[in-house]
Protein backbone atom coordinates (compact mmCIF):
# COMPACT_ATOMS: atom_id res chain seq x y z
CA UNK A 1 12.17 -6.93 15.42
CA UNK A 2 9.30 -6.05 12.71
CA UNK A 3 6.07 -7.98 13.69
CA UNK A 4 4.21 -8.36 10.58
CA UNK A 5 0.35 -10.04 10.42
CA UNK A 6 -0.79 -11.19 7.18
CA UNK A 7 -4.15 -11.00 6.73
CA UNK A 8 -4.76 -13.75 4.39
CA UNK A 9 -7.68 -15.01 2.08
CA UNK A 10 -8.01 -18.59 3.76
CA UNK A 11 -5.61 -21.76 3.62
CA UNK A 12 -3.46 -22.07 1.11
CA UNK A 13 -2.83 -18.22 1.69
CA UNK A 14 -2.09 -18.92 5.24
CA UNK A 15 0.21 -21.67 4.57
CA UNK A 16 2.12 -20.57 2.00
CA UNK A 17 3.01 -17.62 4.40
CA UNK A 18 3.60 -19.32 6.64
CA UNK A 19 5.83 -21.90 5.13
CA UNK A 20 7.12 -20.03 2.86
CA UNK A 21 7.11 -15.95 3.01
CA UNK A 22 7.55 -16.31 6.88
CA UNK A 23 11.07 -17.95 6.94
CA UNK A 24 11.99 -15.59 4.58
CA UNK A 25 11.41 -12.54 6.19
CA UNK A 26 13.17 -13.59 9.00
CA UNK A 27 16.57 -13.27 7.45
CA UNK A 28 14.94 -9.54 6.60
CA UNK A 29 14.78 -8.79 10.44
CA UNK A 30 10.94 -9.53 10.21
CA UNK A 31 8.78 -11.85 12.46
CA UNK A 32 5.45 -12.91 10.02
CA UNK A 33 2.28 -13.87 12.03
CA UNK A 34 -0.18 -15.36 9.00
CA UNK A 35 -3.71 -16.18 9.86
CA UNK A 36 -7.32 -16.25 7.87
CA UNK A 37 -9.20 -13.40 7.35
CA UNK A 38 -12.55 -13.97 10.24
CA UNK A 39 -16.04 -14.37 8.16
CA UNK A 40 -18.13 -14.51 11.15
CA UNK A 41 -17.55 -15.00 15.23
CA UNK A 42 -19.41 -16.57 17.82
CA UNK A 43 -19.62 -14.20 20.43
CA UNK A 44 -21.65 -15.91 23.46
CA UNK A 45 -19.66 -19.57 22.36
CA UNK A 46 -16.30 -17.33 21.79
CA UNK A 47 -16.04 -18.94 18.70
CA UNK A 48 -14.03 -17.26 15.37
CA UNK A 49 -14.55 -18.74 11.66
CA UNK A 50 -11.95 -17.94 9.27
CA UNK A 51 -11.45 -18.62 5.62
CA UNK A 52 -13.02 -16.94 2.60
CA UNK A 53 -13.37 -13.72 1.10
CA UNK A 54 -16.95 -13.58 1.09
CA UNK A 55 -17.78 -10.30 2.31
CA UNK A 56 -15.36 -6.75 2.83
CA UNK A 57 -16.81 -6.15 5.56
CA UNK A 58 -16.30 -8.87 7.37
CA UNK A 59 -12.25 -7.95 6.74
CA UNK A 60 -11.89 -5.03 7.50
CA UNK A 61 -13.43 -5.58 10.79
CA UNK A 62 -10.95 -8.12 11.69
CA UNK A 63 -8.16 -6.36 10.36
CA UNK A 64 -9.12 -3.32 12.25
CA UNK A 65 -8.86 -5.33 15.74
CA UNK A 66 -6.37 -6.71 14.76
CA UNK A 67 -4.88 -3.13 14.74
CA UNK A 68 -6.16 -2.39 18.08
CA UNK A 69 -4.85 -5.19 19.26
CA UNK A 70 -1.43 -4.80 18.27
CA UNK A 71 -0.64 -1.12 18.75
CA UNK A 72 3.03 -1.47 19.52
CA UNK A 73 4.98 0.92 17.16
CA UNK A 74 7.54 -2.12 15.86
CA UNK A 75 3.79 -4.06 14.46
CA UNK A 76 3.03 -3.85 10.81
CA UNK A 77 -0.15 -5.57 8.39
CA UNK A 78 -0.68 -6.54 5.12
CA UNK A 79 -3.30 -9.00 3.20
CA UNK A 80 -3.09 -11.52 0.67
CA UNK A 81 -6.72 -11.30 -0.74
CA UNK A 82 -7.58 -12.68 -4.16
CA UNK A 83 -8.52 -10.31 -7.18
CA UNK A 84 -10.16 -13.42 -8.41
CA UNK A 85 -14.05 -13.28 -6.99
CA UNK A 86 -13.70 -10.31 -4.83
CA UNK A 87 -16.14 -8.74 -3.37
CA UNK A 88 -18.14 -6.12 -4.72
CA UNK A 89 -18.37 -4.04 -1.30
CA UNK A 90 -14.72 -3.65 -1.38
CA UNK A 91 -13.35 -0.37 -1.66
CA UNK A 92 -12.96 1.09 -5.42
CA UNK A 93 -14.41 -2.25 -6.45
CA UNK A 94 -17.37 -0.02 -9.31
CA UNK A 95 -14.35 1.70 -10.42
CA UNK A 96 -11.83 -0.44 -10.44
CA UNK A 97 -14.22 -2.93 -12.85
CA UNK A 98 -13.60 0.18 -15.66
CA UNK A 99 -9.89 -0.23 -16.12
CA UNK A 100 -8.47 -2.53 -18.37
CA UNK A 101 -5.28 -2.90 -17.45
CA UNK A 102 -4.89 -5.19 -14.64
CA UNK A 103 -2.24 -4.05 -12.35
CA UNK A 104 -3.67 -0.44 -12.47
CA UNK A 105 -6.85 -2.03 -11.16
CA UNK A 106 -4.95 -4.18 -8.53
CA UNK A 107 -3.23 -0.87 -7.81
CA UNK A 108 -6.43 1.13 -7.55
CA UNK A 109 -7.65 -1.32 -5.32
CA UNK A 110 -4.80 -1.81 -3.26
CA UNK A 111 -4.66 1.80 -2.55
CA UNK A 112 -8.58 2.50 -1.90
CA UNK A 113 -8.46 -0.20 0.80
CA UNK A 114 -5.46 1.54 2.12
CA UNK A 115 -7.03 4.90 2.28
CA UNK A 116 -10.22 2.63 4.10
CA UNK A 117 -8.11 1.00 6.93
CA UNK A 118 -6.05 4.26 7.18
CA UNK A 119 -3.76 3.23 9.59
CA UNK A 120 -0.09 4.41 8.68
CA UNK A 121 1.39 0.52 9.27
CA UNK A 122 -0.96 -1.08 6.84
CA UNK A 123 0.52 -2.76 3.45
CA UNK A 124 -2.90 -3.37 0.99
CA UNK A 125 -1.56 -6.56 -0.80
CA UNK A 126 -3.93 -8.43 -3.61
CA UNK A 127 -2.73 -11.08 -5.63
CA UNK A 128 -3.19 -11.14 -9.77
CA UNK A 129 -5.38 -13.44 -10.00
CA UNK A 130 -5.46 -15.54 -7.70
CA UNK A 131 -2.87 -18.01 -6.03
CA UNK A 132 -2.41 -20.03 -8.31
CA UNK A 133 -0.90 -17.71 -10.96
CA UNK A 134 2.39 -18.79 -8.94
CA UNK A 135 1.56 -22.13 -9.72
CA UNK A 136 1.77 -21.23 -13.43
CA UNK A 137 4.68 -19.41 -13.02
CA UNK A 138 6.54 -23.39 -13.40
CA UNK A 139 3.62 -25.85 -14.08
CA UNK A 140 6.18 -28.31 -14.73
CA UNK A 141 6.89 -28.56 -10.28
CA UNK A 142 3.26 -29.70 -10.51
CA UNK A 143 4.51 -32.97 -11.43
CA UNK A 144 5.93 -33.25 -7.85
CA UNK A 145 2.25 -34.27 -6.49
CA UNK A 146 0.48 -35.61 -9.16
CA UNK A 147 2.92 -38.49 -11.27
CA UNK A 148 0.21 -39.66 -13.40
CA UNK A 149 -0.55 -36.64 -15.02
CA UNK A 150 2.30 -35.42 -17.48
CA UNK A 151 0.26 -34.62 -20.60
CA UNK A 152 -1.47 -32.69 -18.46
CA UNK A 153 1.17 -30.91 -16.91
CA UNK A 154 2.62 -30.38 -20.81
CA UNK A 155 -0.85 -29.05 -21.53
CA UNK A 156 -0.64 -26.28 -18.66
CA UNK A 157 2.95 -25.60 -19.40
CA UNK A 158 2.49 -24.88 -23.21
CA UNK A 159 -0.76 -23.15 -22.22
CA UNK A 160 1.23 -20.54 -19.90
CA UNK A 161 4.66 -20.51 -22.74
CA UNK A 162 6.41 -17.47 -21.74
CA UNK A 163 3.10 -15.34 -20.35
CA UNK A 164 3.45 -13.50 -17.32
CA UNK A 165 1.50 -16.10 -15.07
CA UNK A 166 -0.16 -13.10 -13.01
CA UNK A 167 -2.22 -11.79 -16.40
CA UNK A 168 -4.07 -15.15 -16.49
CA UNK A 169 -8.06 -13.79 -16.53
CA UNK A 170 -9.90 -13.77 -13.69
CA UNK A 171 -13.14 -15.08 -15.89
CA UNK A 172 -14.75 -18.21 -14.42
CA UNK A 173 -14.07 -20.61 -16.00
CA UNK A 174 -10.37 -19.53 -17.53
CA UNK A 175 -8.77 -17.62 -13.69
CA UNK A 176 -5.31 -19.73 -13.03
CA UNK A 177 -6.91 -22.16 -10.81
CA UNK A 178 -10.04 -23.64 -13.03
CA UNK A 179 -7.18 -23.89 -15.77
CA UNK A 180 -5.82 -25.95 -13.51
CA UNK A 181 -8.62 -27.69 -12.20
CA UNK A 182 -9.62 -29.25 -15.99
CA UNK A 183 -6.19 -30.48 -16.74
CA UNK A 184 -6.09 -31.88 -13.29
CA UNK A 185 -9.54 -32.02 -12.01
CA UNK A 186 -7.97 -33.44 -8.17
CA UNK A 187 -5.60 -30.68 -7.78
CA UNK A 188 -6.30 -29.31 -4.24
CA UNK A 189 -5.08 -26.01 -3.76
CA UNK A 190 -3.86 -26.31 0.03
CA UNK A 191 -1.93 -29.39 0.43
CA UNK A 192 -0.74 -29.78 -3.48
CA UNK A 193 -0.59 -25.53 -4.47
CA UNK A 194 1.77 -24.71 -1.65
CA UNK A 195 3.78 -27.73 -2.20
CA UNK A 196 4.05 -26.38 -5.75
CA UNK A 197 4.64 -23.33 -4.98
CA UNK A 198 7.53 -24.29 -2.15
CA UNK A 199 9.23 -26.24 -4.80
CA UNK A 200 8.82 -23.99 -7.76
CA UNK A 201 10.78 -21.32 -4.83
CA UNK A 202 11.19 -17.62 -4.56
CA UNK A 203 13.23 -16.63 -6.65
CA UNK A 204 10.82 -18.17 -9.97
CA UNK A 205 8.02 -17.08 -8.60
CA UNK A 206 9.47 -13.54 -8.11
CA UNK A 207 11.14 -13.42 -11.66
CA UNK A 208 7.73 -14.73 -13.48
CA UNK A 209 5.13 -12.53 -10.78
CA UNK A 210 6.16 -8.73 -10.95
CA UNK A 211 2.93 -7.78 -8.25
CA UNK A 212 4.33 -10.50 -5.65
CA UNK A 213 7.51 -9.71 -6.58
CA UNK A 214 7.46 -5.67 -5.51
CA UNK A 215 5.00 -6.49 -2.61
CA UNK A 216 7.63 -8.83 -1.05
CA UNK A 217 9.92 -6.33 -2.05
CA UNK A 218 8.10 -4.07 -0.07
CA UNK A 219 7.94 -6.27 2.99
CA UNK A 220 11.79 -6.73 3.42
CA UNK A 221 12.39 -2.76 3.78
CA UNK A 222 10.04 -2.79 6.37
CA UNK A 223 12.53 -2.88 9.10
CA UNK A 224 14.28 -0.34 7.14
CA UNK A 225 11.48 1.95 7.91
CA UNK A 226 11.68 4.96 5.36
CA UNK A 227 13.01 3.05 2.61
CA UNK A 228 9.58 0.96 2.30
CA UNK A 229 8.15 1.40 -0.34
CA UNK A 230 5.02 2.13 0.96
CA UNK A 231 5.62 4.48 4.06
CA UNK A 232 5.00 4.07 7.57
CA UNK A 233 5.95 8.03 8.81
């Protein structure tokens, strides 16, 4: 079995990876182990604090520590970071801001991250534009958590329409999470967000979110070695 270690940005991404991705990947001969990115540690007290991509430098240290700890050949590593509010010390950040096409921008950032980590077992992934893009793949499923918000959910569905939820932008007031919060101020990313994404289901998420689908397809093929989109040889 391939062992896949997922460095998730926060609680929601970690929970989604545990509840949705891990069971699916098991069917492909892959055991997934998600954890939140480390933000700080107290060496004297032996404590670690995790959750929130506030600094790439700290994230890099955490990823590299995991790479060293799990050095076996069957181990693979990936990330689940949001493009929205990516820290400006991220590899390739300055150049990426000048790339207008979101898919080209995120591909450039992922390649820059892969080069900086410099380990053949590492497969970078950055979510376009953030976790809530998955929710907007089918906003109607929000009614499982927010039954009293029928009109607001209709507004979100109308806003999305037939557009690609991954292309809903990363503006401070127009990012996917901001649009949901505008309609449903009590929206909770960790509990309701993960539950709704689970209800939407992987088939719809993959159909609506091209970059997410490409990442998951790559992970599914890891147990096949040379067939993987990102070569580990």
